[in-house]
Protein backbone atom coordinates (compact mmCIF):
# COMPACT_ATOMS: atom_id res chain seq x y z
CA GLU A 1 -9.00 -1.41 -14.71
CA LYS A 2 -10.03 0.69 -11.83
CA GLU A 3 -8.71 -1.95 -9.46
CA ASP A 4 -5.32 -1.92 -11.30
CA ARG A 5 -5.14 1.90 -10.82
CA GLN A 6 -5.93 1.48 -7.12
CA PHE A 7 -3.22 -1.14 -6.81
CA HIS A 8 -0.71 1.10 -8.55
CA MET A 9 -1.70 3.97 -6.35
CA LEU A 10 -1.09 1.84 -3.36
CA CYS A 11 2.36 0.89 -4.53
CA ASN A 12 3.20 4.58 -5.27
CA SER A 13 1.95 5.84 -1.82
CA ARG A 14 4.00 3.02 -0.29
CA GLN A 15 7.16 4.62 -1.86
CA ARG A 16 6.07 8.02 -0.69
CA ILE A 17 5.57 6.81 2.82
CA ILE A 18 9.05 5.39 2.70
CA ASP A 19 10.33 8.74 1.45
CA GLU A 20 8.43 10.91 3.89
CA TYR A 21 8.17 9.00 7.13
CA GLU A 22 11.07 7.56 8.94
CA GLY A 23 10.99 5.38 12.01
CA PRO A 24 8.03 3.92 13.84
CA LYS A 25 5.34 6.15 12.23
CA GLY A 26 6.49 5.04 8.79
CA ASP A 27 6.62 1.34 9.84
CA GLU A 28 3.10 1.47 11.17
CA LEU A 29 1.76 3.17 7.95
CA LEU A 30 3.67 0.64 5.82
CA SER A 31 2.19 -2.37 7.75
CA GLN A 32 -1.33 -0.88 7.35
CA LEU A 33 -0.65 -0.34 3.78
CA ASP A 34 0.55 -3.95 3.24
CA GLU A 35 -2.47 -5.32 4.94
CA LEU A 36 -4.74 -3.23 2.66
CA ARG A 37 -2.86 -4.32 -0.37
CA GLU A 38 -3.11 -8.03 0.57
CA VAL A 39 -6.86 -7.60 0.99
CA LEU A 40 -7.19 -5.99 -2.34
CA ALA A 41 -4.88 -8.68 -3.89
CA LYS A 42 -7.09 -11.45 -2.59
CA LYS A 43 -10.21 -9.63 -3.70
CA TYR A 44 -9.10 -8.87 -7.25
CA TYR A 45 -6.60 -11.67 -8.17
CA HIS A 46 -8.19 -14.73 -6.79
């Protein structure tokens, strides 16, 4: 349950990053976020 909420928060913050940051800074943040999300996904869904 808590993990699901974290996962949704990650997805939401991803959209917010897309909205707020343009260019290289946004790309950097998004790739960090995607790495984190993959780590979480592996941890919780496998």
